[in-house]
Amino acid sequence: MPVRPAGDPRDRPAARRAADRLSLAAAPTFATMALLTGVPGGGDICSAAQGAWPLSGMVPMYLLMSAFHSAPWLKLVSSR
């Protein structure tokens, strides 16, 4: 049986592996929400924002949230 290197993801508990995978879902979700909110007539998530300037309100918030939640993706890319 081959010896796995230290820190191999398979040595972590299942709950930790699930949390790592779940953390990857936040950034793309917020980016998609920003896209859907920013496209005119593209399915406004917040009905109160209809007719508002596309770069005010929810779009910048979703973009910032996507940026703040991109750390797991950056960590994943840098480890490869």
PDB file of N, CA and C in Angstrom:
ATOM      1  N   MET A   1       0.845  -1.174   0.000  1.00  0.00           N
ATOM      2  CA  MET A   1       0.000   0.000   0.000  1.00  0.00           C
ATOM      3  C   MET A   1       0.892   1.239   0.000  1.00  0.00           C
ATOM      4  N   PRO A   2       0.709   2.145  -0.982  1.00  0.00           N
ATOM      5  CA  PRO A   2       1.568   3.330  -1.044  1.00  0.00           C
ATOM      6  C   PRO A   2       1.280   4.288   0.110  1.00  0.00           C
ATOM      7  N   VAL A   3       2.323   4.946   0.535  1.00  0.00           N
ATOM      8  CA  VAL A   3       2.199   5.927   1.621  1.00  0.00           C
ATOM      9  C   VAL A   3       1.781   7.259   1.008  1.00  0.00           C
ATOM     10  N   ARG A   4       0.720   7.861   1.584  1.00  0.00           N
ATOM     11  CA  ARG A   4       0.250   9.156   1.093  1.00  0.00           C
ATOM     12  C   ARG A   4       1.077  10.264   1.728  1.00  0.00           C
ATOM     13  N   PRO A   5       1.288  11.352   0.968  1.00  0.00           N
ATOM     14  CA  PRO A   5       2.045  12.475   1.531  1.00  0.00           C
ATOM     15  C   PRO A   5       1.280  13.137   2.672  1.00  0.00           C
ATOM     16  N   ALA A   6       2.015  13.799   3.530  1.00  0.00           N
ATOM     17  CA  ALA A   6       1.392  14.511   4.656  1.00  0.00           C
ATOM     18  C   ALA A   6       0.457  15.579   4.115  1.00  0.00           C
ATOM     19  N   GLY A   7      -0.695  15.716   4.747  1.00  0.00           N
ATOM     20  CA  GLY A   7      -1.666  16.725   4.338  1.00  0.00           C
ATOM     21  C   GLY A   7      -2.557  16.278   3.193  1.00  0.00           C
ATOM     22  N   ASP A   8      -2.544  15.004   2.860  1.00  0.00           N
ATOM     23  CA  ASP A   8      -3.395  14.494   1.793  1.00  0.00           C
ATOM     24  C   ASP A   8      -4.858  14.740   2.176  1.00  0.00           C
ATOM     25  N   PRO A   9      -5.674  15.297   1.249  1.00  0.00           N
ATOM     26  CA  PRO A   9      -7.075  15.595   1.569  1.00  0.00           C
ATOM     27  C   PRO A   9      -7.871  14.376   2.022  1.00  0.00           C
ATOM     28  N   ARG A  10      -7.477  13.191   1.609  1.00  0.00           N
ATOM     29  CA  ARG A  10      -8.220  11.990   1.999  1.00  0.00           C
ATOM     30  C   ARG A  10      -8.034  11.648   3.471  1.00  0.00           C
ATOM     31  N   ASP A  11      -7.058  12.262   4.136  1.00  0.00           N
ATOM     32  CA  ASP A  11      -6.842  12.018   5.560  1.00  0.00           C
ATOM     33  C   ASP A  11      -7.746  12.867   6.447  1.00  0.00           C
ATOM     34  N   ARG A  12      -8.453  13.853   5.874  1.00  0.00           N
ATOM     35  CA  ARG A  12      -9.328  14.722   6.658  1.00  0.00           C
ATOM     36  C   ARG A  12     -10.689  14.084   6.845  1.00  0.00           C
ATOM     37  N   PRO A  13     -11.390  14.446   7.894  1.00  0.00           N
ATOM     38  CA  PRO A  13     -12.747  13.919   8.100  1.00  0.00           C
ATOM     39  C   PRO A  13     -13.686  14.334   6.967  1.00  0.00           C
ATOM     40  N   ALA A  14     -14.722  13.542   6.761  1.00  0.00           N
ATOM     41  CA  ALA A  14     -15.674  13.791   5.676  1.00  0.00           C
ATOM     42  C   ALA A  14     -16.346  15.151   5.810  1.00  0.00           C
ATOM     43  N   ALA A  15     -16.636  15.566   7.028  1.00  0.00           N
ATOM     44  CA  ALA A  15     -17.291  16.863   7.232  1.00  0.00           C
ATOM     45  C   ALA A  15     -16.388  18.002   6.775  1.00  0.00           C
ATOM     46  N   ARG A  16     -15.103  17.888   7.023  1.00  0.00           N
ATOM     47  CA  ARG A  16     -14.161  18.933   6.600  1.00  0.00           C
ATOM     48  C   ARG A  16     -14.046  18.979   5.081  1.00  0.00           C
ATOM     49  N   ARG A  17     -14.016  17.799   4.435  1.00  0.00           N
ATOM     50  CA  ARG A  17     -13.954  17.764   2.970  1.00  0.00           C
ATOM     51  C   ARG A  17     -15.221  18.374   2.374  1.00  0.00           C
ATOM     52  N   ALA A  18     -16.379  18.084   2.984  1.00  0.00           N
ATOM     53  CA  ALA A  18     -17.639  18.659   2.504  1.00  0.00           C
ATOM     54  C   ALA A  18     -17.648  20.177   2.664  1.00  0.00           C
ATOM     55  N   ALA A  19     -17.131  20.661   3.780  1.00  0.00           N
ATOM     56  CA  ALA A  19     -17.061  22.112   4.006  1.00  0.00           C
ATOM     57  C   ALA A  19     -16.135  22.774   2.999  1.00  0.00           C
ATOM     58  N   ASP A  20     -15.029  22.121   2.666  1.00  0.00           N
ATOM     59  CA  ASP A  20     -14.115  22.670   1.661  1.00  0.00           C
ATOM     60  C   ASP A  20     -14.796  22.782   0.303  1.00  0.00           C
ATOM     61  N   ARG A  21     -15.556  21.764  -0.057  1.00  0.00           N
ATOM     62  CA  ARG A  21     -16.266  21.800  -1.345  1.00  0.00           C
ATOM     63  C   ARG A  21     -17.369  22.856  -1.327  1.00  0.00           C
ATOM     64  N   LEU A  22     -18.061  22.958  -0.222  1.00  0.00           N
ATOM     65  CA  LEU A  22     -19.143  23.938  -0.113  1.00  0.00           C
ATOM     66  C   LEU A  22     -18.604  25.368  -0.180  1.00  0.00           C
ATOM     67  N   SER A  23     -17.412  25.588   0.352  1.00  0.00           N
ATOM     68  CA  SER A  23     -16.832  26.935   0.313  1.00  0.00           C
ATOM     69  C   SER A  23     -16.547  27.384  -1.110  1.00  0.00           C
ATOM     70  N   LEU A  24     -16.399  26.443  -2.031  1.00  0.00           N
ATOM     71  CA  LEU A  24     -16.162  26.793  -3.434  1.00  0.00           C
ATOM     72  C   LEU A  24     -17.437  27.267  -4.137  1.00  0.00           C
ATOM     73  N   ALA A  25     -18.580  27.068  -3.528  1.00  0.00           N
ATOM     74  CA  ALA A  25     -19.848  27.426  -4.171  1.00  0.00           C
ATOM     75  C   ALA A  25     -20.192  28.903  -4.028  1.00  0.00           C
ATOM     76  N   ALA A  26     -19.663  29.597  -3.033  1.00  0.00           N
ATOM     77  CA  ALA A  26     -20.092  30.971  -2.748  1.00  0.00           C
ATOM     78  C   ALA A  26     -19.728  31.951  -3.860  1.00  0.00           C
ATOM     79  N   ALA A  27     -18.469  31.989  -4.286  1.00  0.00           N
ATOM     80  CA  ALA A  27     -18.039  32.982  -5.269  1.00  0.00           C
ATOM     81  C   ALA A  27     -18.798  32.866  -6.588  1.00  0.00           C
ATOM     82  N   PRO A  28     -18.915  31.668  -7.180  1.00  0.00           N
ATOM     83  CA  PRO A  28     -19.682  31.597  -8.430  1.00  0.00           C
ATOM     84  C   PRO A  28     -21.161  31.928  -8.254  1.00  0.00           C
ATOM     85  N   THR A  29     -21.709  31.606  -7.096  1.00  0.00           N
ATOM     86  CA  THR A  29     -23.118  31.922  -6.840  1.00  0.00           C
ATOM     87  C   THR A  29     -23.327  33.431  -6.817  1.00  0.00           C
ATOM     88  N   PHE A  30     -22.468  34.151  -6.103  1.00  0.00           N
ATOM     89  CA  PHE A  30     -22.606  35.608  -6.040  1.00  0.00           C
ATOM     90  C   PHE A  30     -22.317  36.257  -7.388  1.00  0.00           C
ATOM     91  N   ALA A  31     -21.360  35.719  -8.145  1.00  0.00           N
ATOM     92  CA  ALA A  31     -21.078  36.257  -9.476  1.00  0.00           C
ATOM     93  C   ALA A  31     -22.276  36.076 -10.397  1.00  0.00           C
ATOM     94  N   THR A  32     -22.927  34.922 -10.319  1.00  0.00           N
ATOM     95  CA  THR A  32     -24.124  34.675 -11.120  1.00  0.00           C
ATOM     96  C   THR A  32     -25.250  35.615 -10.716  1.00  0.00           C
ATOM     97  N   MET A  33     -25.417  35.838  -9.416  1.00  0.00           N
ATOM     98  CA  MET A  33     -26.454  36.753  -8.945  1.00  0.00           C
ATOM     99  C   MET A  33     -26.187  38.172  -9.436  1.00  0.00           C
ATOM    100  N   ALA A  34     -24.910  38.592  -9.451  1.00  0.00           N
ATOM    101  CA  ALA A  34     -24.570  39.922  -9.959  1.00  0.00           C
ATOM    102  C   ALA A  34     -24.902  40.026 -11.436  1.00  0.00           C
ATOM    103  N   LEU A  35     -24.598  38.970 -12.185  1.00  0.00           N
ATOM    104  CA  LEU A  35     -24.890  38.969 -13.613  1.00  0.00           C
ATOM    105  C   LEU A  35     -26.394  39.029 -13.866  1.00  0.00           C
ATOM    106  N   LEU A  36     -27.147  38.211 -13.154  1.00  0.00           N
ATOM    107  CA  LEU A  36     -28.599  38.199 -13.350  1.00  0.00           C
ATOM    108  C   LEU A  36     -29.242  39.513 -12.925  1.00  0.00           C
ATOM    109  N   THR A  37     -28.718  40.134 -11.890  1.00  0.00           N
ATOM    110  CA  THR A  37     -29.276  41.392 -11.409  1.00  0.00           C
ATOM    111  C   THR A  37     -28.894  42.542 -12.325  1.00  0.00           C
ATOM    112  N   GLY A  38     -27.706  42.490 -12.917  1.00  0.00           N
ATOM    113  CA  GLY A  38     -27.214  43.593 -13.734  1.00  0.00           C
ATOM    114  C   GLY A  38     -27.731  43.625 -15.151  1.00  0.00           C
ATOM    115  N   VAL A  39     -28.196  42.502 -15.677  1.00  0.00           N
ATOM    116  CA  VAL A  39     -28.691  42.452 -17.045  1.00  0.00           C
ATOM    117  C   VAL A  39     -30.107  43.016 -17.079  1.00  0.00           C
ATOM    118  N   PRO A  40     -30.339  44.051 -17.887  1.00  0.00           N
ATOM    119  CA  PRO A  40     -31.692  44.621 -17.953  1.00  0.00           C
ATOM    120  C   PRO A  40     -32.707  43.579 -18.425  1.00  0.00           C
ATOM    121  N   GLY A  41     -33.745  43.396 -17.650  1.00  0.00           N
ATOM    122  CA  GLY A  41     -34.785  42.432 -17.995  1.00  0.00           C
ATOM    123  C   GLY A  41     -34.339  40.987 -17.876  1.00  0.00           C
ATOM    124  N   GLY A  42     -33.191  40.762 -17.248  1.00  0.00           N
ATOM    125  CA  GLY A  42     -32.652  39.415 -17.151  1.00  0.00           C
ATOM    126  C   GLY A  42     -33.071  38.688 -15.906  1.00  0.00           C
ATOM    127  N   GLY A  43     -34.134  39.058 -15.316  1.00  0.00           N
ATOM    128  CA  GLY A  43     -34.613  38.381 -14.123  1.00  0.00           C
ATOM    129  C   GLY A  43     -34.118  39.048 -12.863  1.00  0.00           C
ATOM    130  N   ASP A  44     -34.608  40.246 -12.612  1.00  0.00           N
ATOM    131  CA  ASP A  44     -34.190  40.962 -11.406  1.00  0.00           C
ATOM    132  C   ASP A  44     -34.509  40.135 -10.173  1.00  0.00           C
ATOM    133  N   ILE A  45     -33.514  39.927  -9.348  1.00  0.00           N
ATOM    134  CA  ILE A  45     -33.695  39.166  -8.122  1.00  0.00           C
ATOM    135  C   ILE A  45     -34.467  40.004  -7.113  1.00  0.00           C
ATOM    136  N   CYS A  46     -34.141  41.285  -7.055  1.00  0.00           N
ATOM    137  CA  CYS A  46     -34.820  42.190  -6.129  1.00  0.00           C
ATOM    138  C   CYS A  46     -35.794  43.033  -6.941  1.00  0.00           C
ATOM    139  N   SER A  47     -37.070  42.805  -6.761  1.00  0.00           N
ATOM    140  CA  SER A  47     -38.069  43.493  -7.573  1.00  0.00           C
ATOM    141  C   SER A  47     -38.084  45.000  -7.320  1.00  0.00           C
ATOM    142  N   ALA A  48     -37.602  45.438  -6.167  1.00  0.00           N
ATOM    143  CA  ALA A  48     -37.576  46.875  -5.868  1.00  0.00           C
ATOM    144  C   ALA A  48     -36.532  47.599  -6.706  1.00  0.00           C
ATOM    145  N   ALA A  49     -35.584  46.861  -7.285  1.00  0.00           N
ATOM    146  CA  ALA A  49     -34.503  47.476  -8.048  1.00  0.00           C
ATOM    147  C   ALA A  49     -34.850  47.647  -9.523  1.00  0.00           C
ATOM    148  N   GLN A  50     -36.029  47.299  -9.952  1.00  0.00           N
ATOM    149  CA  GLN A  50     -36.392  47.425 -11.357  1.00  0.00           C
ATOM    150  C   GLN A  50     -36.373  48.885 -11.771  1.00  0.00           C
ATOM    151  N   GLY A  51     -35.740  49.127 -12.908  1.00  0.00           N
ATOM    152  CA  GLY A  51     -35.650  50.478 -13.421  1.00  0.00           C
ATOM    153  C   GLY A  51     -34.511  51.277 -12.827  1.00  0.00           C
ATOM    154  N   ALA A  52     -33.782  50.716 -11.886  1.00  0.00           N
ATOM    155  CA  ALA A  52     -32.653  51.416 -11.266  1.00  0.00           C
ATOM    156  C   ALA A  52     -31.428  51.310 -12.163  1.00  0.00           C
ATOM    157  N   TRP A  53     -30.484  52.190 -11.953  1.00  0.00           N
ATOM    158  CA  TRP A  53     -29.231  52.139 -12.685  1.00  0.00           C
ATOM    159  C   TRP A  53     -28.547  50.813 -12.379  1.00  0.00           C
ATOM    160  N   PRO A  54     -28.089  50.045 -13.402  1.00  0.00           N
ATOM    161  CA  PRO A  54     -27.573  48.695 -13.174  1.00  0.00           C
ATOM    162  C   PRO A  54     -26.363  48.604 -12.241  1.00  0.00           C
ATOM    163  N   LEU A  55     -25.617  49.693 -12.094  1.00  0.00           N
ATOM    164  CA  LEU A  55     -24.427  49.614 -11.243  1.00  0.00           C
ATOM    165  C   LEU A  55     -24.652  50.161  -9.840  1.00  0.00           C
ATOM    166  N   SER A  56     -25.880  50.350  -9.464  1.00  0.00           N
ATOM    167  CA  SER A  56     -26.158  50.802  -8.099  1.00  0.00           C
ATOM    168  C   SER A  56     -26.847  49.692  -7.338  1.00  0.00           C
ATOM    169  N   GLY A  57     -26.617  49.652  -6.071  1.00  0.00           N
ATOM    170  CA  GLY A  57     -27.340  48.717  -5.220  1.00  0.00           C
ATOM    171  C   GLY A  57     -26.787  47.307  -5.197  1.00  0.00           C
ATOM    172  N   MET A  58     -27.537  46.380  -5.732  1.00  0.00           N
ATOM    173  CA  MET A  58     -27.257  44.969  -5.564  1.00  0.00           C
ATOM    174  C   MET A  58     -26.066  44.465  -6.375  1.00  0.00           C
ATOM    175  N   VAL A  59     -25.861  44.971  -7.581  1.00  0.00           N
ATOM    176  CA  VAL A  59     -24.777  44.464  -8.427  1.00  0.00           C
ATOM    177  C   VAL A  59     -23.419  44.649  -7.758  1.00  0.00           C
ATOM    178  N   PRO A  60     -23.067  45.866  -7.298  1.00  0.00           N
ATOM    179  CA  PRO A  60     -21.771  46.001  -6.624  1.00  0.00           C
ATOM    180  C   PRO A  60     -21.666  45.141  -5.362  1.00  0.00           C
ATOM    181  N   MET A  61     -22.783  45.000  -4.647  1.00  0.00           N
ATOM    182  CA  MET A  61     -22.752  44.181  -3.439  1.00  0.00           C
ATOM    183  C   MET A  61     -22.434  42.732  -3.793  1.00  0.00           C
ATOM    184  N   TYR A  62     -23.097  42.181  -4.822  1.00  0.00           N
ATOM    185  CA  TYR A  62     -22.833  40.797  -5.221  1.00  0.00           C
ATOM    186  C   TYR A  62     -21.408  40.629  -5.734  1.00  0.00           C
ATOM    187  N   LEU A  63     -20.902  41.626  -6.473  1.00  0.00           N
ATOM    188  CA  LEU A  63     -19.524  41.544  -6.966  1.00  0.00           C
ATOM    189  C   LEU A  63     -18.527  41.563  -5.814  1.00  0.00           C
ATOM    190  N   LEU A  64     -18.762  42.428  -4.835  1.00  0.00           N
ATOM    191  CA  LEU A  64     -17.883  42.454  -3.662  1.00  0.00           C
ATOM    192  C   LEU A  64     -17.953  41.142  -2.878  1.00  0.00           C
ATOM    193  N   MET A  65     -19.150  40.612  -2.719  1.00  0.00           N
ATOM    194  CA  MET A  65     -19.290  39.349  -1.999  1.00  0.00           C
ATOM    195  C   MET A  65     -18.586  38.222  -2.750  1.00  0.00           C
ATOM    196  N   SER A  66     -18.668  38.246  -4.070  1.00  0.00           N
ATOM    197  CA  SER A  66     -17.968  37.250  -4.876  1.00  0.00           C
ATOM    198  C   SER A  66     -16.458  37.381  -4.692  1.00  0.00           C
ATOM    199  N   ALA A  67     -15.965  38.619  -4.677  1.00  0.00           N
ATOM    200  CA  ALA A  67     -14.526  38.834  -4.477  1.00  0.00           C
ATOM    201  C   ALA A  67     -14.078  38.389  -3.084  1.00  0.00           C
ATOM    202  N   PHE A  68     -14.864  38.721  -2.063  1.00  0.00           N
ATOM    203  CA  PHE A  68     -14.498  38.342  -0.701  1.00  0.00           C
ATOM    204  C   PHE A  68     -14.524  36.827  -0.495  1.00  0.00           C
ATOM    205  N   HIS A  69     -15.374  36.139  -1.246  1.00  0.00           N
ATOM    206  CA  HIS A  69     -15.490  34.688  -1.109  1.00  0.00           C
ATOM    207  C   HIS A  69     -14.630  33.926  -2.120  1.00  0.00           C
ATOM    208  N   SER A  70     -13.718  34.609  -2.804  1.00  0.00           N
ATOM    209  CA  SER A  70     -12.876  33.941  -3.799  1.00  0.00           C
ATOM    210  C   SER A  70     -11.633  33.288  -3.193  1.00  0.00           C
ATOM    211  N   ALA A  71     -11.388  33.462  -1.914  1.00  0.00           N
ATOM    212  CA  ALA A  71     -10.196  32.889  -1.277  1.00  0.00           C
ATOM    213  C   ALA A  71     -10.077  31.375  -1.449  1.00  0.00           C
ATOM    214  N   PRO A  72     -11.152  30.590  -1.289  1.00  0.00           N
ATOM    215  CA  PRO A  72     -11.008  29.151  -1.504  1.00  0.00           C
ATOM    216  C   PRO A  72     -10.578  28.799  -2.933  1.00  0.00           C
ATOM    217  N   TRP A  73     -11.056  29.560  -3.916  1.00  0.00           N
ATOM    218  CA  TRP A  73     -10.659  29.312  -5.308  1.00  0.00           C
ATOM    219  C   TRP A  73      -9.191  29.660  -5.505  1.00  0.00           C
ATOM    220  N   LEU A  74      -8.751  30.780  -4.927  1.00  0.00           N
ATOM    221  CA  LEU A  74      -7.345  31.167  -5.049  1.00  0.00           C
ATOM    222  C   LEU A  74      -6.436  30.144  -4.374  1.00  0.00           C
ATOM    223  N   LYS A  75      -6.871  29.637  -3.243  1.00  0.00           N
ATOM    224  CA  LYS A  75      -6.112  28.615  -2.537  1.00  0.00           C
ATOM    225  C   LYS A  75      -6.033  27.335  -3.370  1.00  0.00           C
ATOM    226  N   LEU A  76      -7.139  26.957  -3.989  1.00  0.00           N
ATOM    227  CA  LEU A  76      -7.181  25.751  -4.813  1.00  0.00           C
ATOM    228  C   LEU A  76      -6.269  25.891  -6.031  1.00  0.00           C
ATOM    229  N   VAL A  77      -6.312  27.042  -6.694  1.00  0.00           N
ATOM    230  CA  VAL A  77      -5.487  27.266  -7.872  1.00  0.00           C
ATOM    231  C   VAL A  77      -3.999  27.322  -7.518  1.00  0.00           C
ATOM    232  N   SER A  78      -3.676  27.950  -6.400  1.00  0.00           N
ATOM    233  CA  SER A  78      -2.262  28.083  -6.026  1.00  0.00           C
ATOM    234  C   SER A  78      -1.654  26.768  -5.547  1.00  0.00           C
ATOM    235  N   SER A  79      -2.486  25.820  -5.117  1.00  0.00           N
ATOM    236  CA  SER A  79      -1.945  24.555  -4.630  1.00  0.00           C
ATOM    237  C   SER A  79      -1.671  23.564  -5.766  1.00  0.00           C
ATOM    238  N   ARG A  80      -2.083  23.887  -6.951  1.00  0.00           N
ATOM    239  CA  ARG A  80      -1.872  22.965  -8.074  1.00  0.00           C
ATOM    240  C   ARG A  80      -0.655  23.281  -8.859  1.00  0.00           C
TER     241      ARG A  80
END
